[in-house]
Amino acid sequence: MIDPPVTTAVVTAGASPVAEFTDRFCTSLTGTRPTRSFEVTASTDLAAVARDVDILVVAATVRDGRLPEVLTRALERRPGAPPVVGTAFALCVAEPAEHTVVDWQLTPALVAAGLVCPAPGLTLPPRQDPGPAVDAVCRYWRFAVPGLVARARRTRQAAV
């Protein structure tokens, strides 16, 4: 059982429909709408975003087989900066030919930044209803949410 409230943040980069798909994913996974939503900018501090949340969902629209540059920069560890701590789920909105970007670029970048990604990334086609794919993935991973939330809270308490 999770002590309420579960705090979640979604971080998105790229054009529509990434924000809508990410909102649906977060709601389906945790049972609540995202607590906070951020569109990545050049000044986004991912460590600050992840610091106070139980679950982080990071999503991007893929173009030409690449993540948006602004997200790539936000995920880079800066010299002297502490690692990003937390649990993240990775999501990409991409054409079927670009389905590997989430697992070959986004998830490794999240892990390199310091986040734990317990699930494989999810790629959603931009012009297709994400409902069935999101619901299937979230139904599978929903059982792990209480443990992930407990881990995030213990990690934050230990850092204090």
N, C-alpha and C. Protein backbone atom coordinates (compact mmCIF):
# COMPACT_ATOMS: atom_id res chain seq x y z
N MET A 1 0.84 -1.18 0.00
CA MET A 1 0.00 0.00 0.00
C MET A 1 0.89 1.25 0.00
N ILE A 2 0.51 2.24 -0.77
CA ILE A 2 1.27 3.47 -0.87
C ILE A 2 0.63 4.52 0.04
N ASP A 3 1.47 5.17 0.84
CA ASP A 3 0.97 6.30 1.62
C ASP A 3 0.72 7.45 0.66
N PRO A 4 -0.51 7.95 0.62
CA PRO A 4 -0.78 9.06 -0.28
C PRO A 4 -0.15 10.33 0.23
N PRO A 5 0.02 11.32 -0.57
CA PRO A 5 -0.18 11.26 -2.01
C PRO A 5 1.09 10.79 -2.71
N VAL A 6 0.91 10.11 -3.82
CA VAL A 6 2.03 9.74 -4.67
C VAL A 6 2.36 10.97 -5.50
N THR A 7 3.60 11.40 -5.46
CA THR A 7 4.00 12.56 -6.26
C THR A 7 4.65 12.09 -7.55
N THR A 8 4.19 12.65 -8.63
CA THR A 8 4.70 12.27 -9.94
C THR A 8 5.03 13.52 -10.73
N ALA A 9 5.99 13.39 -11.61
CA ALA A 9 6.31 14.48 -12.53
C ALA A 9 6.50 13.90 -13.91
N VAL A 10 6.02 14.62 -14.89
CA VAL A 10 6.28 14.24 -16.27
C VAL A 10 7.15 15.33 -16.89
N VAL A 11 8.14 14.89 -17.61
CA VAL A 11 9.07 15.78 -18.30
C VAL A 11 8.98 15.43 -19.78
N THR A 12 8.61 16.40 -20.59
CA THR A 12 8.43 16.13 -22.00
C THR A 12 9.31 17.03 -22.86
N ALA A 13 9.63 16.51 -24.02
CA ALA A 13 10.40 17.27 -25.01
C ALA A 13 9.85 16.92 -26.38
N GLY A 14 9.46 17.92 -27.11
CA GLY A 14 8.98 17.67 -28.46
C GLY A 14 7.54 18.08 -28.64
N ALA A 15 7.10 17.90 -29.86
CA ALA A 15 5.77 18.36 -30.26
C ALA A 15 4.67 17.42 -29.78
N SER A 16 3.46 17.91 -29.92
CA SER A 16 2.28 17.10 -29.62
C SER A 16 2.36 15.82 -30.45
N PRO A 17 1.92 14.72 -29.95
CA PRO A 17 1.06 14.46 -28.80
C PRO A 17 1.81 13.94 -27.56
N VAL A 18 3.10 14.23 -27.44
CA VAL A 18 3.89 13.64 -26.36
C VAL A 18 3.33 13.97 -24.98
N ALA A 19 2.88 15.18 -24.74
CA ALA A 19 2.36 15.56 -23.42
C ALA A 19 1.09 14.79 -23.09
N GLU A 20 0.20 14.66 -24.05
CA GLU A 20 -1.06 13.94 -23.81
C GLU A 20 -0.79 12.45 -23.53
N PHE A 21 0.12 11.85 -24.31
CA PHE A 21 0.44 10.43 -24.13
C PHE A 21 1.09 10.21 -22.76
N THR A 22 1.96 11.13 -22.35
CA THR A 22 2.67 11.00 -21.08
C THR A 22 1.71 11.15 -19.91
N ASP A 23 0.79 12.08 -20.02
CA ASP A 23 -0.22 12.25 -18.98
C ASP A 23 -1.04 10.98 -18.82
N ARG A 24 -1.43 10.40 -19.92
CA ARG A 24 -2.22 9.16 -19.87
C ARG A 24 -1.40 8.03 -19.25
N PHE A 25 -0.14 7.93 -19.62
CA PHE A 25 0.73 6.89 -19.07
C PHE A 25 0.85 7.03 -17.55
N CYS A 26 1.15 8.23 -17.09
CA CYS A 26 1.33 8.47 -15.67
C CYS A 26 0.05 8.15 -14.89
N THR A 27 -1.07 8.58 -15.41
CA THR A 27 -2.36 8.34 -14.76
C THR A 27 -2.68 6.85 -14.71
N SER A 28 -2.42 6.15 -15.80
CA SER A 28 -2.68 4.71 -15.84
C SER A 28 -1.75 3.94 -14.91
N LEU A 29 -0.51 4.38 -14.82
CA LEU A 29 0.48 3.68 -13.98
C LEU A 29 0.21 3.87 -12.49
N THR A 30 -0.07 5.10 -12.08
CA THR A 30 -0.17 5.40 -10.65
C THR A 30 -1.59 5.58 -10.14
N GLY A 31 -2.55 5.74 -11.04
CA GLY A 31 -3.92 5.96 -10.62
C GLY A 31 -4.24 7.42 -10.34
N THR A 32 -3.26 8.30 -10.52
CA THR A 32 -3.48 9.73 -10.32
C THR A 32 -2.86 10.52 -11.46
N ARG A 33 -3.40 11.68 -11.71
CA ARG A 33 -2.82 12.56 -12.72
C ARG A 33 -1.44 13.02 -12.24
N PRO A 34 -0.57 13.42 -13.15
CA PRO A 34 0.76 13.91 -12.73
C PRO A 34 0.64 15.09 -11.77
N THR A 35 1.49 15.07 -10.75
CA THR A 35 1.52 16.17 -9.80
C THR A 35 2.09 17.42 -10.45
N ARG A 36 3.13 17.23 -11.27
CA ARG A 36 3.77 18.34 -11.98
C ARG A 36 4.11 17.93 -13.40
N SER A 37 4.07 18.90 -14.30
CA SER A 37 4.45 18.65 -15.69
C SER A 37 5.43 19.73 -16.13
N PHE A 38 6.46 19.30 -16.85
CA PHE A 38 7.49 20.21 -17.32
C PHE A 38 7.77 19.96 -18.79
N GLU A 39 7.86 21.03 -19.55
CA GLU A 39 8.38 20.96 -20.91
C GLU A 39 9.85 21.32 -20.79
N VAL A 40 10.73 20.47 -21.28
CA VAL A 40 12.16 20.68 -21.14
C VAL A 40 12.57 21.96 -21.87
N THR A 41 13.41 22.74 -21.19
CA THR A 41 13.99 23.94 -21.79
C THR A 41 15.50 23.87 -21.58
N ALA A 42 16.21 24.84 -22.10
CA ALA A 42 17.66 24.87 -21.94
C ALA A 42 18.07 24.98 -20.48
N SER A 43 17.21 25.50 -19.63
CA SER A 43 17.56 25.67 -18.22
C SER A 43 16.97 24.60 -17.30
N THR A 44 16.39 23.55 -17.86
CA THR A 44 15.78 22.51 -17.03
C THR A 44 16.84 21.80 -16.20
N ASP A 45 16.61 21.74 -14.91
CA ASP A 45 17.48 21.02 -13.98
C ASP A 45 16.76 19.74 -13.59
N LEU A 46 17.12 18.65 -14.27
CA LEU A 46 16.43 17.38 -14.04
C LEU A 46 16.60 16.89 -12.60
N ALA A 47 17.74 17.17 -11.99
CA ALA A 47 17.95 16.76 -10.59
C ALA A 47 16.94 17.46 -9.69
N ALA A 48 16.67 18.72 -9.94
CA ALA A 48 15.69 19.46 -9.13
C ALA A 48 14.28 18.93 -9.37
N VAL A 49 13.96 18.58 -10.60
CA VAL A 49 12.64 18.04 -10.91
C VAL A 49 12.44 16.70 -10.20
N ALA A 50 13.44 15.84 -10.24
CA ALA A 50 13.33 14.49 -9.67
C ALA A 50 13.44 14.48 -8.15
N ARG A 51 13.99 15.52 -7.57
CA ARG A 51 14.30 15.55 -6.14
C ARG A 51 13.10 15.26 -5.25
N ASP A 52 11.94 15.78 -5.58
CA ASP A 52 10.79 15.69 -4.70
C ASP A 52 9.65 14.82 -5.23
N VAL A 53 9.93 13.94 -6.17
CA VAL A 53 8.85 13.11 -6.71
C VAL A 53 9.13 11.63 -6.48
N ASP A 54 8.04 10.87 -6.43
CA ASP A 54 8.14 9.43 -6.26
C ASP A 54 8.40 8.73 -7.59
N ILE A 55 7.74 9.17 -8.63
CA ILE A 55 7.85 8.57 -9.97
C ILE A 55 8.03 9.69 -10.98
N LEU A 56 8.98 9.52 -11.88
CA LEU A 56 9.25 10.47 -12.95
C LEU A 56 8.99 9.77 -14.28
N VAL A 57 8.26 10.44 -15.17
CA VAL A 57 8.04 9.92 -16.51
C VAL A 57 8.69 10.91 -17.48
N VAL A 58 9.63 10.43 -18.27
CA VAL A 58 10.35 11.28 -19.21
C VAL A 58 9.99 10.82 -20.62
N ALA A 59 9.52 11.77 -21.42
CA ALA A 59 9.06 11.42 -22.76
C ALA A 59 9.54 12.42 -23.79
N ALA A 60 9.69 11.92 -25.01
CA ALA A 60 10.18 12.77 -26.09
C ALA A 60 9.56 12.37 -27.42
N THR A 61 9.44 13.34 -28.29
CA THR A 61 9.06 13.08 -29.67
C THR A 61 10.36 12.87 -30.45
N VAL A 62 10.45 11.77 -31.15
CA VAL A 62 11.65 11.42 -31.90
C VAL A 62 11.51 11.92 -33.34
N ARG A 63 12.55 12.56 -33.82
CA ARG A 63 12.62 13.03 -35.21
C ARG A 63 13.96 12.57 -35.79
N ASP A 64 13.91 11.99 -36.96
CA ASP A 64 15.12 11.54 -37.66
C ASP A 64 15.99 10.64 -36.79
N GLY A 65 15.36 9.80 -35.98
CA GLY A 65 16.09 8.83 -35.17
C GLY A 65 16.84 9.42 -33.99
N ARG A 66 16.48 10.63 -33.59
CA ARG A 66 17.20 11.31 -32.50
C ARG A 66 16.23 11.90 -31.49
N LEU A 67 16.70 11.97 -30.25
CA LEU A 67 15.98 12.68 -29.21
C LEU A 67 16.14 14.18 -29.44
N PRO A 68 15.20 14.98 -28.96
CA PRO A 68 15.40 16.43 -29.07
C PRO A 68 16.68 16.86 -28.34
N GLU A 69 17.43 17.76 -28.95
CA GLU A 69 18.70 18.23 -28.39
C GLU A 69 18.53 18.80 -26.98
N VAL A 70 17.43 19.51 -26.76
CA VAL A 70 17.20 20.12 -25.45
C VAL A 70 17.08 19.06 -24.35
N LEU A 71 16.49 17.91 -24.66
CA LEU A 71 16.40 16.83 -23.68
C LEU A 71 17.76 16.18 -23.47
N THR A 72 18.50 15.97 -24.54
CA THR A 72 19.83 15.39 -24.43
C THR A 72 20.71 16.24 -23.52
N ARG A 73 20.64 17.54 -23.68
CA ARG A 73 21.43 18.45 -22.82
C ARG A 73 20.96 18.42 -21.37
N ALA A 74 19.65 18.34 -21.16
CA ALA A 74 19.12 18.30 -19.79
C ALA A 74 19.54 17.02 -19.07
N LEU A 75 19.79 15.96 -19.82
CA LEU A 75 20.18 14.68 -19.22
C LEU A 75 21.68 14.56 -18.97
N GLU A 76 22.47 15.46 -19.54
CA GLU A 76 23.91 15.40 -19.35
C GLU A 76 24.26 15.78 -17.91
N ARG A 77 25.17 15.02 -17.32
CA ARG A 77 25.63 15.35 -15.96
C ARG A 77 26.61 16.50 -16.05
N ARG A 78 26.35 17.51 -15.26
CA ARG A 78 27.22 18.68 -15.24
C ARG A 78 28.34 18.47 -14.22
N PRO A 79 29.54 18.95 -14.51
CA PRO A 79 30.64 18.79 -13.56
C PRO A 79 30.28 19.37 -12.20
N GLY A 80 30.51 18.58 -11.17
CA GLY A 80 30.24 19.02 -9.81
C GLY A 80 28.79 18.89 -9.37
N ALA A 81 27.89 18.60 -10.30
CA ALA A 81 26.47 18.47 -9.95
C ALA A 81 26.22 17.07 -9.41
N PRO A 82 25.34 16.96 -8.43
CA PRO A 82 25.01 15.64 -7.91
C PRO A 82 24.24 14.84 -8.96
N PRO A 83 24.29 13.52 -8.88
CA PRO A 83 23.51 12.73 -9.83
C PRO A 83 22.01 12.92 -9.59
N VAL A 84 21.25 12.70 -10.62
CA VAL A 84 19.80 12.72 -10.49
C VAL A 84 19.42 11.45 -9.76
N VAL A 85 18.57 11.55 -8.75
CA VAL A 85 18.18 10.38 -7.98
C VAL A 85 16.69 10.17 -8.14
N GLY A 86 16.29 8.93 -8.40
CA GLY A 86 14.87 8.64 -8.50
C GLY A 86 14.60 7.50 -9.44
N THR A 87 13.31 7.29 -9.68
CA THR A 87 12.84 6.23 -10.56
C THR A 87 12.14 6.85 -11.75
N ALA A 88 12.49 6.40 -12.94
CA ALA A 88 11.92 6.99 -14.15
C ALA A 88 11.39 5.92 -15.10
N PHE A 89 10.37 6.29 -15.81
CA PHE A 89 9.86 5.49 -16.91
C PHE A 89 10.09 6.30 -18.18
N ALA A 90 10.56 5.65 -19.24
CA ALA A 90 10.91 6.31 -20.50
C ALA A 90 9.85 6.03 -21.56
N LEU A 91 9.51 7.07 -22.30
CA LEU A 91 8.47 7.00 -23.31
C LEU A 91 8.91 7.80 -24.52
N CYS A 92 8.70 7.28 -25.71
CA CYS A 92 8.98 8.04 -26.93
C CYS A 92 7.78 7.97 -27.85
N VAL A 93 7.50 9.07 -28.49
CA VAL A 93 6.52 9.11 -29.56
C VAL A 93 7.35 9.11 -30.84
N ALA A 94 7.21 8.02 -31.61
CA ALA A 94 8.07 7.85 -32.77
C ALA A 94 7.41 6.97 -33.82
N GLU A 95 7.84 7.16 -35.04
CA GLU A 95 7.40 6.28 -36.11
C GLU A 95 7.95 4.87 -35.85
N PRO A 96 7.28 3.84 -36.37
CA PRO A 96 7.74 2.47 -36.12
C PRO A 96 9.21 2.22 -36.47
N ALA A 97 9.73 2.86 -37.50
CA ALA A 97 11.13 2.67 -37.88
C ALA A 97 12.09 3.22 -36.84
N GLU A 98 11.61 4.06 -35.94
CA GLU A 98 12.47 4.69 -34.92
C GLU A 98 12.20 4.13 -33.52
N HIS A 99 11.63 2.94 -33.47
CA HIS A 99 11.23 2.35 -32.18
C HIS A 99 12.39 2.06 -31.23
N THR A 100 13.60 1.97 -31.72
CA THR A 100 14.73 1.63 -30.85
C THR A 100 15.27 2.83 -30.06
N VAL A 101 14.88 4.04 -30.42
CA VAL A 101 15.42 5.24 -29.77
C VAL A 101 15.18 5.21 -28.26
N VAL A 102 14.02 4.77 -27.83
CA VAL A 102 13.70 4.80 -26.40
C VAL A 102 14.66 3.91 -25.61
N ASP A 103 14.97 2.72 -26.11
CA ASP A 103 15.84 1.80 -25.37
C ASP A 103 17.32 2.00 -25.66
N TRP A 104 17.67 2.59 -26.79
CA TRP A 104 19.08 2.77 -27.13
C TRP A 104 19.60 4.16 -26.82
N GLN A 105 18.70 5.14 -26.67
CA GLN A 105 19.14 6.51 -26.38
C GLN A 105 18.54 7.06 -25.09
N LEU A 106 17.21 7.03 -24.95
CA LEU A 106 16.59 7.68 -23.80
C LEU A 106 16.85 6.93 -22.50
N THR A 107 16.56 5.66 -22.45
CA THR A 107 16.77 4.91 -21.20
C THR A 107 18.23 4.94 -20.76
N PRO A 108 19.21 4.69 -21.64
CA PRO A 108 20.61 4.80 -21.19
C PRO A 108 20.97 6.19 -20.70
N ALA A 109 20.42 7.23 -21.31
CA ALA A 109 20.72 8.60 -20.85
C ALA A 109 20.14 8.84 -19.46
N LEU A 110 18.95 8.30 -19.19
CA LEU A 110 18.35 8.44 -17.86
C LEU A 110 19.18 7.71 -16.82
N VAL A 111 19.63 6.50 -17.14
CA VAL A 111 20.46 5.73 -16.21
C VAL A 111 21.80 6.42 -16.00
N ALA A 112 22.41 6.93 -17.06
CA ALA A 112 23.69 7.64 -16.92
C ALA A 112 23.54 8.88 -16.05
N ALA A 113 22.36 9.49 -16.06
CA ALA A 113 22.12 10.68 -15.23
C ALA A 113 21.94 10.30 -13.76
N GLY A 114 21.72 9.00 -13.48
CA GLY A 114 21.58 8.55 -12.10
C GLY A 114 20.23 7.95 -11.76
N LEU A 115 19.30 7.96 -12.70
CA LEU A 115 17.96 7.43 -12.44
C LEU A 115 17.91 5.91 -12.59
N VAL A 116 16.96 5.30 -11.93
CA VAL A 116 16.69 3.88 -12.08
C VAL A 116 15.49 3.75 -13.02
N CYS A 117 15.64 2.94 -14.05
CA CYS A 117 14.55 2.71 -15.00
C CYS A 117 14.16 1.23 -14.90
N PRO A 118 13.12 0.92 -14.14
CA PRO A 118 12.79 -0.48 -13.90
C PRO A 118 12.16 -1.20 -15.08
N ALA A 119 11.62 -0.45 -16.03
CA ALA A 119 10.89 -1.06 -17.15
C ALA A 119 11.54 -0.71 -18.47
N PRO A 120 11.35 -1.58 -19.47
CA PRO A 120 11.79 -1.20 -20.81
C PRO A 120 11.03 0.06 -21.25
N GLY A 121 11.63 0.83 -22.13
CA GLY A 121 10.96 2.02 -22.63
C GLY A 121 9.78 1.66 -23.51
N LEU A 122 8.89 2.59 -23.67
CA LEU A 122 7.69 2.39 -24.49
C LEU A 122 7.72 3.36 -25.64
N THR A 123 7.51 2.84 -26.85
CA THR A 123 7.42 3.68 -28.04
C THR A 123 5.98 3.66 -28.53
N LEU A 124 5.43 4.86 -28.74
CA LEU A 124 4.06 5.00 -29.21
C LEU A 124 4.05 5.71 -30.55
N PRO A 125 3.35 5.16 -31.54
CA PRO A 125 3.24 5.83 -32.84
C PRO A 125 2.43 7.12 -32.69
N PRO A 126 2.82 8.20 -33.37
CA PRO A 126 2.17 9.50 -33.18
C PRO A 126 0.72 9.57 -33.65
N ARG A 127 0.34 8.78 -34.62
CA ARG A 127 -1.01 8.90 -35.16
C ARG A 127 -1.88 7.69 -34.81
N GLN A 128 -1.64 7.14 -33.67
CA GLN A 128 -2.39 5.95 -33.26
C GLN A 128 -2.85 6.14 -31.82
N ASP A 129 -4.01 5.59 -31.48
CA ASP A 129 -4.52 5.68 -30.12
C ASP A 129 -3.54 4.96 -29.18
N PRO A 130 -2.98 5.67 -28.20
CA PRO A 130 -2.01 5.04 -27.31
C PRO A 130 -2.65 4.16 -26.23
N GLY A 131 -3.97 4.24 -26.12
CA GLY A 131 -4.66 3.57 -25.03
C GLY A 131 -4.32 2.11 -24.82
N PRO A 132 -4.46 1.25 -25.82
CA PRO A 132 -4.18 -0.17 -25.59
C PRO A 132 -2.74 -0.45 -25.16
N ALA A 133 -1.77 0.20 -25.78
CA ALA A 133 -0.37 -0.04 -25.42
C ALA A 133 -0.07 0.49 -24.02
N VAL A 134 -0.52 1.69 -23.72
CA VAL A 134 -0.30 2.29 -22.40
C VAL A 134 -0.96 1.45 -21.33
N ASP A 135 -2.20 1.07 -21.55
CA ASP A 135 -2.91 0.28 -20.55
C ASP A 135 -2.23 -1.07 -20.30
N ALA A 136 -1.76 -1.73 -21.36
CA ALA A 136 -1.10 -3.03 -21.20
C ALA A 136 0.20 -2.89 -20.41
N VAL A 137 1.02 -1.92 -20.76
CA VAL A 137 2.30 -1.72 -20.06
C VAL A 137 2.05 -1.34 -18.60
N CYS A 138 1.14 -0.42 -18.39
CA CYS A 138 0.89 0.04 -17.01
C CYS A 138 0.23 -1.04 -16.16
N ARG A 139 -0.62 -1.85 -16.75
CA ARG A 139 -1.23 -2.96 -16.01
C ARG A 139 -0.14 -3.93 -15.54
N TYR A 140 0.86 -4.13 -16.37
CA TYR A 140 1.97 -5.03 -16.02
C TYR A 140 2.84 -4.44 -14.91
N TRP A 141 3.17 -3.14 -15.01
CA TRP A 141 4.11 -2.51 -14.07
C TRP A 141 3.45 -1.88 -12.84
N ARG A 142 2.13 -1.75 -12.85
CA ARG A 142 1.43 -1.11 -11.73
C ARG A 142 1.73 -1.79 -10.39
N PHE A 143 1.89 -3.12 -10.41
CA PHE A 143 2.17 -3.85 -9.16
C PHE A 143 3.47 -3.40 -8.52
N ALA A 144 4.40 -2.88 -9.31
CA ALA A 144 5.71 -2.49 -8.78
C ALA A 144 5.71 -1.07 -8.20
N VAL A 145 4.68 -0.30 -8.48
CA VAL A 145 4.66 1.10 -8.06
C VAL A 145 4.83 1.28 -6.55
N PRO A 146 4.11 0.52 -5.70
CA PRO A 146 4.32 0.72 -4.26
C PRO A 146 5.78 0.55 -3.83
N GLY A 147 6.46 -0.45 -4.35
CA GLY A 147 7.87 -0.66 -4.02
C GLY A 147 8.76 0.45 -4.55
N LEU A 148 8.46 0.93 -5.75
CA LEU A 148 9.24 2.03 -6.34
C LEU A 148 9.05 3.32 -5.56
N VAL A 149 7.83 3.57 -5.11
CA VAL A 149 7.55 4.76 -4.31
C VAL A 149 8.27 4.67 -2.98
N ALA A 150 8.22 3.50 -2.34
CA ALA A 150 8.90 3.31 -1.06
C ALA A 150 10.41 3.52 -1.23
N ARG A 151 10.97 3.00 -2.31
CA ARG A 151 12.40 3.16 -2.57
C ARG A 151 12.75 4.63 -2.76
N ALA A 152 11.93 5.35 -3.53
CA ALA A 152 12.18 6.78 -3.77
C ALA A 152 12.15 7.56 -2.46
N ARG A 153 11.20 7.23 -1.62
CA ARG A 153 11.07 7.96 -0.34
C ARG A 153 12.23 7.63 0.60
N ARG A 154 12.66 6.39 0.63
CA ARG A 154 13.83 6.03 1.47
C ARG A 154 15.08 6.74 0.97
N THR A 155 15.26 6.79 -0.34
CA THR A 155 16.42 7.45 -0.93
C THR A 155 16.43 8.94 -0.57
N ARG A 156 15.28 9.58 -0.64
CA ARG A 156 15.20 11.01 -0.30
C ARG A 156 15.50 11.22 1.18
N GLN A 157 14.98 10.35 2.06
CA GLN A 157 15.21 10.49 3.49
C GLN A 157 16.69 10.29 3.82
N ALA A 158 17.33 9.35 3.13
CA ALA A 158 18.76 9.08 3.39
C ALA A 158 19.63 10.25 2.94
N ALA A 159 19.18 10.99 1.95
CA ALA A 159 19.95 12.11 1.43
C ALA A 159 19.88 13.33 2.35
N VAL A 160 18.92 13.34 3.24
CA VAL A 160 18.74 14.52 4.12
C VAL A 160 19.74 14.52 5.24
